[in-house]
Amino acid sequence: MNTPINKDIIDNAIRDYGIQDFAKATIREVKAIAAFAEEKTGTEFIKMEMGIPGLPAAEVGVKAQIKALEEGIAHSYPDIQGYPELKRQASRFVKAFINVDIAPEGCVPVCGSMQGTFASFLTCSQADKKKDTVLFIDPGFPVQKMQLQVQGVKYITFDVYDFRGDKLAPKLESYLSKGNICAIVYSNPNNPAWICLNEEELACIGALANKYDAIVMEDLAYFAMDFRQDLSVPFHPPYQPTVARYTDNYILLISGSKAFSYAGERIGVTCIGDKLFHRHFPDLSERYEGLPFGLVFSTRMLYALSSGTSHSAQFAMAEMMRAACDGEYNFRNEVMVYGERAKKLKEIFLRHGFHVVYDTDIDRPIADGFYFTIGYPGMDSGTLAHELMYYGVSAICLITTGSHQEGLRVCTSFIEDHQYPILDERMKLFHQNNPT
């Protein structure tokens, strides 16, 4: 069978990496094999496995960071609570684009949302000794589960595929009613499925968080990137959907990586609701000298992890948020290209026999954005991912994200204009070689 990449090159590389089940291959392993095959054959790979921004960093942030460095900020440790102006602008940003009031003190800079989730997991899992388990509404970001593995914290998951709408509350309650869940975690928009939980679903999550006293960790890495509506006008609806309208037990994780393409500087803000920030948990008070939740998060967890967040990057984040709030910088316009790429890619895959796995938000098609999911009739995830490597296309399997569906995650970030006809030709050949 004729394929763009010699099958032996791929098969030998997978064997040499010691990968026994390609369905469980990590992002880094898939990337490494694609890079090896590309170098070995000289054939360009269409790389869809890595969720890395493919756009220039926001210029307004770069200029502010350079200015801060030139003025000597690098010699000073940042305050563990964060640069005051960033805290103020983060509070404004949440009000402007989510329409939720969070005091600046609860907006704590972190080394990207990755550190924010790590510190949040530490704090949530120690808040109540009886609640020792984290619940994931999957699919989701695999590294968050690795963080819990590193911490030795238990977690459970379920695939939300069959539990949208009014089916979500009974499913959640079946876990929460056991009394051992300290935190509920999900991303919105979702990595990898790009589904977006709606207000009714978020309301049910908030109500159950109240009923069972669980903390909701809402990962907003892809902030306002549901391109079906314009969420970019500050202080004007529509706003980014959030659970924060329905419970006081919430932590919002806002990243600079995707919305501002500022991934390299590892900057984000963890926004803890006012009541949760000041809440005293007996087990935290006993362990940390009577401190409330928010100060345990910052002065214990973050301080132990990194003694603060890059000082100059905080100046960048503050200026990006200020410019967005003041209407000087429309970050949504900068990243809408991801949606345009997704639309073109989906059209190619669908034309050649593929289908979108997570295809709807209950009653309407999912948005075109940073990610989407594909499947192929008669092929399980591992087989499909392996076969596509023969055609110079790399992607990760949904099983690695906690999904129970057969298919792959496609990331649009590195797609270049000249690759669409290449992909079209290769998927035409794939379909011919694998008729449905």
Protein backbone atom coordinates (compact mmCIF):
# COMPACT_ATOMS: atom_id res chain seq x y z
CA MET A 1 0.00 0.00 0.00
CA ASN A 2 1.42 3.35 -1.07
CA THR A 3 1.77 5.91 1.76
CA PRO A 4 3.71 9.21 1.95
CA ILE A 5 5.90 7.88 4.78
CA ASN A 6 7.51 4.44 4.69
CA LYS A 7 5.64 2.35 7.24
CA ASP A 8 8.80 0.69 8.53
CA ILE A 9 10.23 4.05 9.57
CA ILE A 10 7.19 4.78 11.73
CA ASP A 11 6.87 1.25 13.11
CA ASN A 12 10.55 1.03 14.01
CA ALA A 13 10.47 4.45 15.69
CA ILE A 14 7.46 3.46 17.80
CA ARG A 15 9.20 0.23 18.78
CA ASP A 16 12.45 2.03 19.60
CA TYR A 17 10.56 4.44 21.88
CA GLY A 18 9.17 1.45 23.74
CA ILE A 19 5.54 2.40 23.04
CA GLN A 20 3.46 -0.74 23.36
CA ASP A 21 0.04 0.87 22.88
CA PHE A 22 0.04 3.87 20.56
CA ALA A 23 -3.37 4.90 21.88
CA LYS A 24 -1.62 5.84 25.12
CA ALA A 25 1.35 7.61 23.54
CA THR A 26 1.97 11.00 25.15
CA ILE A 27 2.05 14.30 23.31
CA ARG A 28 5.84 14.41 23.63
CA GLU A 29 6.23 10.86 22.28
CA VAL A 30 4.02 11.52 19.26
CA LYS A 31 5.88 14.77 18.61
CA ALA A 32 9.27 13.04 18.84
CA ILE A 33 8.30 10.28 16.41
CA ALA A 34 6.89 12.80 13.93
CA ALA A 35 10.08 14.88 14.15
CA PHE A 36 12.24 11.78 13.66
CA ALA A 37 10.26 10.62 10.62
CA GLU A 38 10.25 14.10 9.11
CA GLU A 39 14.03 14.36 9.41
CA LYS A 40 14.59 10.80 8.19
CA THR A 41 12.41 11.15 5.08
CA GLY A 42 12.48 14.85 4.31
CA THR A 43 8.69 14.74 4.09
CA GLU A 44 6.86 17.52 5.88
CA PHE A 45 4.58 16.42 8.72
CA ILE A 46 1.31 18.15 9.45
CA LYS A 47 1.66 18.43 13.21
CA MET A 48 -1.55 18.54 15.21
CA GLU A 49 -0.44 17.01 18.49
CA MET A 50 0.93 19.98 20.44
CA GLY A 51 -1.33 22.59 22.07
CA ILE A 52 1.17 25.41 21.70
CA PRO A 53 0.18 28.90 20.51
CA GLY A 54 1.18 29.45 16.91
CA LEU A 55 0.86 33.24 16.92
CA PRO A 56 3.19 36.09 17.94
CA ALA A 57 2.97 37.22 21.56
CA ALA A 58 0.74 40.24 22.17
CA GLU A 59 2.86 43.29 21.32
CA VAL A 60 1.35 45.38 24.10
CA GLY A 61 2.63 42.85 26.64
CA VAL A 62 6.07 42.54 25.09
CA LYS A 63 6.60 46.30 25.18
CA ALA A 64 5.49 46.55 28.80
CA GLN A 65 7.78 43.72 29.84
CA ILE A 66 10.78 45.18 28.04
CA LYS A 67 10.14 48.55 29.68
CA ALA A 68 9.96 46.93 33.11
CA LEU A 69 13.22 45.11 32.51
CA GLU A 70 14.97 48.23 31.24
CA GLU A 71 13.86 50.04 34.38
CA GLY A 72 15.53 47.40 36.53
CA ILE A 73 12.65 45.27 37.79
CA ALA A 74 14.63 42.04 37.30
CA HIS A 75 16.68 42.69 40.44
CA SER A 76 13.62 42.66 42.72
CA TYR A 77 11.71 39.73 44.11
CA PRO A 78 8.00 40.08 43.32
CA ASP A 79 5.54 40.27 46.18
CA ILE A 80 4.18 36.76 46.83
CA GLN A 81 0.67 38.21 46.49
CA GLY A 82 1.59 39.66 43.10
CA TYR A 83 2.31 43.00 41.44
CA PRO A 84 -0.46 45.33 42.74
CA GLU A 85 -1.28 46.74 39.31
CA LEU A 86 -1.71 43.25 37.86
CA LYS A 87 -4.02 42.32 40.72
CA ARG A 88 -6.08 45.46 40.05
CA GLN A 89 -6.23 44.88 36.30
CA ALA A 90 -7.08 41.19 36.74
CA SER A 91 -10.01 42.20 38.93
CA ARG A 92 -11.11 44.65 36.21
CA PHE A 93 -10.63 41.99 33.53
CA VAL A 94 -12.90 39.53 35.34
CA LYS A 95 -15.54 42.25 35.68
CA ALA A 96 -15.15 43.41 32.08
CA PHE A 97 -15.33 40.03 30.36
CA ILE A 98 -17.05 37.71 32.87
CA ASN A 99 -19.18 40.27 34.73
CA VAL A 100 -18.18 38.88 38.11
CA ASP A 101 -16.81 40.91 41.03
CA ILE A 102 -13.58 39.59 42.54
CA ALA A 103 -11.46 41.80 44.80
CA PRO A 104 -7.88 42.41 43.65
CA GLU A 105 -6.56 40.55 46.72
CA GLY A 106 -8.07 37.32 45.34
CA CYS A 107 -6.36 37.70 41.96
CA VAL A 108 -2.99 36.02 42.46
CA PRO A 109 -0.35 35.85 39.68
CA VAL A 110 1.03 32.39 38.97
CA CYS A 111 3.63 30.86 36.65
CA GLY A 112 0.96 29.96 34.12
CA SER A 113 -2.28 28.17 34.90
CA MET A 114 -0.24 24.99 35.32
CA GLN A 115 1.18 26.34 38.57
CA GLY A 116 -2.21 27.75 39.45
CA THR A 117 -3.84 24.32 39.22
CA PHE A 118 -0.98 22.66 41.12
CA ALA A 119 -1.28 25.11 44.03
CA SER A 120 -5.09 24.92 43.89
CA PHE A 121 -5.01 21.14 44.08
CA LEU A 122 -2.71 21.33 47.11
CA THR A 123 -4.98 23.79 48.89
CA CYS A 124 -8.29 22.10 48.03
CA SER A 125 -7.09 18.61 48.93
CA GLN A 126 -5.91 19.76 52.38
CA ALA A 127 -8.95 21.87 53.24
CA ASP A 128 -11.01 19.01 54.66
CA LYS A 129 -9.49 15.65 55.64
CA LYS A 130 -12.73 13.88 54.79
CA LYS A 131 -12.58 15.16 51.21
CA ASP A 132 -9.54 13.59 49.61
CA THR A 133 -10.59 13.17 45.96
CA VAL A 134 -10.75 15.47 42.92
CA LEU A 135 -13.49 14.99 40.33
CA PHE A 136 -12.75 15.71 36.67
CA ILE A 137 -15.46 16.43 34.13
CA ASP A 138 -13.57 14.90 31.21
CA PRO A 139 -12.17 14.98 28.61
CA GLY A 140 -9.50 17.30 29.91
CA PHE A 141 -5.87 18.33 30.10
CA PRO A 142 -3.85 15.18 30.93
CA VAL A 143 -1.14 17.00 32.89
CA GLN A 144 -3.61 18.02 35.61
CA LYS A 145 -4.02 14.36 36.51
CA MET A 146 -0.25 13.98 36.51
CA GLN A 147 -0.06 16.85 39.00
CA LEU A 148 -2.34 14.93 41.35
CA GLN A 149 -0.27 11.80 40.81
CA VAL A 150 2.82 13.76 41.84
CA GLN A 151 0.99 15.04 44.93
CA GLY A 152 -0.41 11.64 45.85
CA VAL A 153 -3.99 12.96 45.70
CA LYS A 154 -6.78 10.68 44.52
CA TYR A 155 -9.00 11.58 41.59
CA ILE A 156 -11.93 10.18 39.65
CA THR A 157 -13.28 11.12 36.22
CA PHE A 158 -16.20 10.68 33.89
CA ASP A 159 -16.59 11.42 30.20
CA VAL A 160 -19.21 14.14 29.75
CA TYR A 161 -20.03 12.91 26.21
CA ASP A 162 -23.27 11.17 27.28
CA PHE A 163 -24.09 13.54 30.17
CA ARG A 164 -24.81 16.92 28.67
CA GLY A 165 -27.80 19.08 29.57
CA ASP A 166 -30.18 17.68 32.17
CA LYS A 167 -28.16 14.47 32.41
CA LEU A 168 -25.22 16.29 33.99
CA ALA A 169 -26.65 16.96 37.46
CA PRO A 170 -27.58 13.33 38.29
CA LYS A 171 -24.17 12.15 37.09
CA LEU A 172 -22.33 14.73 39.20
CA GLU A 173 -24.46 14.03 42.24
CA SER A 174 -23.69 10.31 42.03
CA TYR A 175 -20.08 11.22 42.84
CA LEU A 176 -20.59 14.22 45.14
CA SER A 177 -23.09 12.43 47.36
CA LYS A 178 -20.33 10.13 48.62
CA GLY A 179 -18.90 13.09 50.53
CA ASN A 180 -15.25 12.69 49.50
CA ILE A 181 -14.98 15.22 46.63
CA CYS A 182 -12.94 18.31 47.47
CA ALA A 183 -12.86 19.87 43.99
CA ILE A 184 -14.56 19.69 40.60
CA VAL A 185 -12.38 20.46 37.55
CA TYR A 186 -13.24 21.23 33.92
CA SER A 187 -12.14 23.52 31.10
CA ASN A 188 -14.51 25.83 29.22
CA PRO A 189 -14.04 25.90 26.22
CA ASN A 190 -12.89 22.33 26.59
CA ASN A 191 -9.49 20.91 25.82
CA PRO A 192 -9.63 18.68 23.73
CA ALA A 193 -13.26 18.53 22.60
CA TRP A 194 -13.95 22.29 22.34
CA ILE A 195 -17.39 21.74 23.81
CA CYS A 196 -18.66 24.66 25.89
CA LEU A 197 -20.79 24.09 28.98
CA ASN A 198 -23.82 26.37 28.87
CA GLU A 199 -25.36 28.49 31.61
CA GLU A 200 -27.82 25.78 32.66
CA GLU A 201 -25.03 23.23 33.04
CA LEU A 202 -22.86 25.68 34.94
CA ALA A 203 -25.81 26.52 37.19
CA CYS A 204 -26.22 22.84 38.09
CA ILE A 205 -22.48 22.53 38.83
CA GLY A 206 -22.68 25.58 41.07
CA ALA A 207 -25.78 24.35 42.89
CA LEU A 208 -24.21 20.97 43.59
CA ALA A 209 -20.96 22.60 44.69
CA ASN A 210 -23.03 24.52 47.23
CA LYS A 211 -24.98 21.45 48.32
CA TYR A 212 -21.93 19.27 48.86
CA ASP A 213 -19.44 22.02 49.72
CA ALA A 214 -17.02 21.27 46.88
CA ILE A 215 -14.72 23.83 45.26
CA VAL A 216 -15.05 24.34 41.51
CA MET A 217 -11.82 24.88 39.57
CA GLU A 218 -12.80 26.46 36.25
CA ASP A 219 -9.96 26.33 33.75
CA LEU A 220 -10.34 29.28 31.38
CA ALA A 221 -7.17 28.65 29.36
CA TYR A 222 -9.08 29.40 26.14
CA PHE A 223 -10.74 32.52 27.45
CA ALA A 224 -13.53 33.97 25.26
CA MET A 225 -12.54 31.64 22.40
CA ASP A 226 -16.05 30.34 21.72
CA PHE A 227 -16.11 32.20 18.41
CA ARG A 228 -19.84 31.61 17.88
CA GLN A 229 -20.37 34.84 19.80
CA ASP A 230 -18.32 37.95 20.40
CA LEU A 231 -17.17 37.86 24.02
CA SER A 232 -14.53 40.55 23.51
CA VAL A 233 -16.39 43.79 24.22
CA PRO A 234 -15.39 44.94 27.73
CA PHE A 235 -18.16 45.63 30.26
CA HIS A 236 -20.81 44.62 27.72
CA PRO A 237 -22.72 41.35 27.22
CA PRO A 238 -22.42 38.61 26.15
CA TYR A 239 -19.91 37.56 28.80
CA GLN A 240 -17.71 34.51 29.19
CA PRO A 241 -19.93 31.83 30.82
CA THR A 242 -18.82 30.89 34.32
CA VAL A 243 -19.83 28.88 37.37
CA ALA A 244 -18.98 31.95 39.47
CA ARG A 245 -22.53 33.23 38.95
CA TYR A 246 -23.92 30.21 40.81
CA THR A 247 -21.59 29.49 43.72
CA ASP A 248 -19.09 31.21 46.02
CA ASN A 249 -16.90 28.09 46.02
CA TYR A 250 -14.88 28.79 42.89
CA ILE A 251 -11.40 29.35 41.53
CA LEU A 252 -10.99 30.80 38.03
CA LEU A 253 -7.74 29.99 36.22
CA ILE A 254 -6.94 32.65 33.61
CA SER A 255 -3.92 32.00 31.43
CA GLY A 256 -1.81 34.37 29.37
CA SER A 257 -0.70 31.53 27.10
CA LYS A 258 -3.51 31.19 24.57
CA ALA A 259 -5.65 34.35 24.61
CA PHE A 260 -2.54 36.57 24.64
CA SER A 261 -0.12 34.08 23.00
CA TYR A 262 2.19 34.70 25.95
CA ALA A 263 3.00 31.05 26.71
CA GLY A 264 6.77 31.41 26.92
CA GLU A 265 6.78 33.73 29.92
CA ARG A 266 4.65 31.39 32.06
CA ILE A 267 2.16 33.91 33.36
CA GLY A 268 -1.42 33.56 34.49
CA VAL A 269 -3.73 34.69 37.27
CA THR A 270 -5.64 32.48 39.70
CA CYS A 271 -8.79 34.30 40.74
CA ILE A 272 -10.31 33.06 44.00
CA GLY A 273 -13.85 34.17 44.84
CA ASP A 274 -14.05 36.64 47.72
CA LYS A 275 -15.90 34.39 50.16
CA LEU A 276 -13.66 31.40 49.45
CA PHE A 277 -10.54 33.56 49.74
CA HIS A 278 -11.48 34.59 53.28
CA ARG A 279 -12.99 31.28 54.35
CA HIS A 280 -11.39 29.45 57.27
CA PHE A 281 -11.27 25.67 56.95
CA PRO A 282 -10.51 23.98 60.29
CA ASP A 283 -7.98 21.58 58.76
CA LEU A 284 -6.15 24.38 56.93
CA SER A 285 -6.20 26.57 60.05
CA GLU A 286 -4.69 23.79 62.12
CA ARG A 287 -1.94 23.14 59.59
CA TYR A 288 -1.19 26.74 58.58
CA GLU A 289 -1.45 28.90 61.68
CA GLY A 290 -5.08 29.87 61.28
CA LEU A 291 -4.74 31.32 57.77
CA PRO A 292 -7.79 31.54 55.48
CA PHE A 293 -7.97 29.64 52.19
CA GLY A 294 -6.63 32.44 49.98
CA LEU A 295 -3.58 33.16 52.09
CA VAL A 296 -2.77 29.46 52.37
CA PHE A 297 -2.83 29.39 48.58
CA SER A 298 -0.44 32.34 48.19
CA THR A 299 1.76 32.56 51.29
CA ARG A 300 2.19 28.80 51.73
CA MET A 301 1.62 26.89 48.50
CA LEU A 302 2.94 29.41 45.98
CA TYR A 303 5.71 30.58 48.27
CA ALA A 304 6.93 27.01 48.69
CA LEU A 305 6.70 26.33 44.96
CA SER A 306 8.44 29.35 43.43
CA SER A 307 8.60 32.30 45.81
CA GLY A 308 6.49 34.27 43.36
CA THR A 309 5.98 34.71 39.63
CA SER A 310 8.30 36.31 37.06
CA HIS A 311 8.27 40.00 37.97
CA SER A 312 8.58 41.42 34.46
CA ALA A 313 5.97 39.02 33.06
CA GLN A 314 3.51 40.39 35.62
CA PHE A 315 3.99 43.85 34.09
CA ALA A 316 3.22 42.36 30.67
CA MET A 317 0.06 40.64 31.90
CA ALA A 318 -1.10 43.78 33.70
CA GLU A 319 -0.75 45.87 30.55
CA MET A 320 -2.45 43.28 28.32
CA MET A 321 -5.39 43.11 30.70
CA ARG A 322 -5.55 46.91 31.04
CA ALA A 323 -5.49 47.43 27.28
CA ALA A 324 -8.23 44.82 26.83
CA CYS A 325 -10.41 46.39 29.53
CA ASP A 326 -9.93 49.87 28.07
CA GLY A 327 -10.88 48.69 24.58
CA GLU A 328 -7.42 49.40 23.16
CA TYR A 329 -6.55 45.75 22.46
CA ASN A 330 -8.99 43.14 21.14
CA PHE A 331 -7.37 39.84 22.00
CA ARG A 332 -10.20 37.85 20.39
CA ASN A 333 -9.43 39.33 16.98
CA GLU A 334 -5.82 38.19 17.37
CA VAL A 335 -6.72 34.53 17.96
CA MET A 336 -9.75 34.09 15.69
CA VAL A 337 -7.42 32.57 13.11
CA TYR A 338 -7.61 29.33 15.11
CA GLY A 339 -11.31 29.12 14.34
CA GLU A 340 -10.70 29.81 10.66
CA ARG A 341 -8.13 27.01 10.56
CA ALA A 342 -10.45 24.59 12.32
CA LYS A 343 -13.21 25.24 9.80
CA LYS A 344 -10.88 24.47 6.86
CA LEU A 345 -9.43 21.39 8.53
CA LYS A 346 -12.83 19.96 9.44
CA GLU A 347 -14.01 20.38 5.85
CA ILE A 348 -11.04 18.36 4.59
CA PHE A 349 -11.43 15.56 7.12
CA LEU A 350 -15.21 15.31 6.69
CA ARG A 351 -14.89 15.16 2.91
CA HIS A 352 -12.62 12.13 3.22
CA GLY A 353 -14.72 9.95 5.47
CA PHE A 354 -13.87 11.25 8.95
CA HIS A 355 -16.40 12.52 11.49
CA VAL A 356 -16.22 14.98 14.39
CA VAL A 357 -16.44 12.98 17.64
CA TYR A 358 -17.59 15.70 20.05
CA ASP A 359 -19.71 17.44 17.46
CA THR A 360 -22.38 19.39 19.34
CA ASP A 361 -23.13 21.47 22.40
CA ILE A 362 -26.39 19.65 23.05
CA ASP A 363 -28.41 21.27 20.27
CA ARG A 364 -25.93 23.21 18.14
CA PRO A 365 -22.62 22.45 16.42
CA ILE A 366 -19.50 23.11 18.46
CA ALA A 367 -17.50 26.22 17.73
CA ASP A 368 -14.48 26.21 15.45
CA GLY A 369 -11.46 26.90 17.62
CA PHE A 370 -8.10 25.81 18.96
CA TYR A 371 -9.02 22.10 19.08
CA PHE A 372 -11.51 19.65 17.64
CA THR A 373 -11.85 15.87 17.61
CA ILE A 374 -11.97 13.38 14.72
CA GLY A 375 -12.75 9.71 14.30
CA TYR A 376 -12.80 7.28 11.39
CA PRO A 377 -15.23 4.40 10.86
CA GLY A 378 -13.89 1.01 11.84
CA MET A 379 -10.73 2.33 13.52
CA ASP A 380 -10.04 2.65 17.21
CA SER A 381 -8.00 5.58 18.49
CA GLY A 382 -4.62 3.87 18.54
CA THR A 383 -5.02 2.39 15.07
CA LEU A 384 -6.14 5.71 13.60
CA ALA A 385 -3.28 7.68 15.18
CA HIS A 386 -0.77 5.06 14.05
CA GLU A 387 -2.14 4.92 10.49
CA LEU A 388 -2.15 8.70 10.11
CA MET A 389 1.56 8.79 10.93
CA TYR A 390 2.12 6.90 7.65
CA TYR A 391 0.49 9.87 5.95
CA GLY A 392 2.61 12.47 7.73
CA VAL A 393 -0.14 13.57 10.12
CA SER A 394 0.40 13.50 13.90
CA ALA A 395 -2.26 13.82 16.62
CA ILE A 396 -2.91 12.41 20.09
CA CYS A 397 -5.59 9.89 21.07
CA LEU A 398 -8.62 10.97 23.08
CA ILE A 399 -8.05 8.21 25.62
CA THR A 400 -5.10 10.20 27.01
CA THR A 401 -7.50 13.05 27.86
CA GLY A 402 -9.93 10.92 29.86
CA SER A 403 -12.36 10.45 26.97
CA HIS A 404 -14.06 7.10 26.43
CA GLN A 405 -14.66 7.85 22.74
CA GLU A 406 -12.61 6.50 19.86
CA GLY A 407 -10.84 9.33 18.09
CA LEU A 408 -8.08 11.91 18.07
CA ARG A 409 -7.53 15.47 19.22
CA VAL A 410 -6.60 17.88 16.44
CA CYS A 411 -4.83 21.13 17.36
CA THR A 412 -4.97 23.96 14.84
CA SER A 413 -2.16 26.10 16.22
CA PHE A 414 0.69 25.09 13.90
CA ILE A 415 -1.25 24.74 10.64
CA GLU A 416 0.11 26.86 7.80
CA ASP A 417 -1.74 27.92 4.66
CA HIS A 418 0.35 25.80 2.33
CA GLN A 419 -0.54 22.65 4.29
CA TYR A 420 -4.27 22.54 3.45
CA PRO A 421 -3.78 21.13 -0.09
CA ILE A 422 -1.14 18.73 1.25
CA LEU A 423 -3.54 17.45 3.91
CA ASP A 424 -6.35 17.23 1.36
CA GLU A 425 -4.25 15.07 -0.95
CA ARG A 426 -3.02 12.83 1.86
CA MET A 427 -6.48 12.31 3.35
CA LYS A 428 -7.84 11.51 -0.12
CA LEU A 429 -5.19 8.78 -0.34
CA PHE A 430 -5.95 7.65 3.22
CA HIS A 431 -9.64 7.29 2.36
CA GLN A 432 -8.79 5.34 -0.81
CA ASN A 433 -6.54 2.99 1.16
CA ASN A 434 -9.11 2.64 3.97
CA PRO A 435 -12.54 2.62 2.29
CA THR A 436 -15.53 2.91 4.61
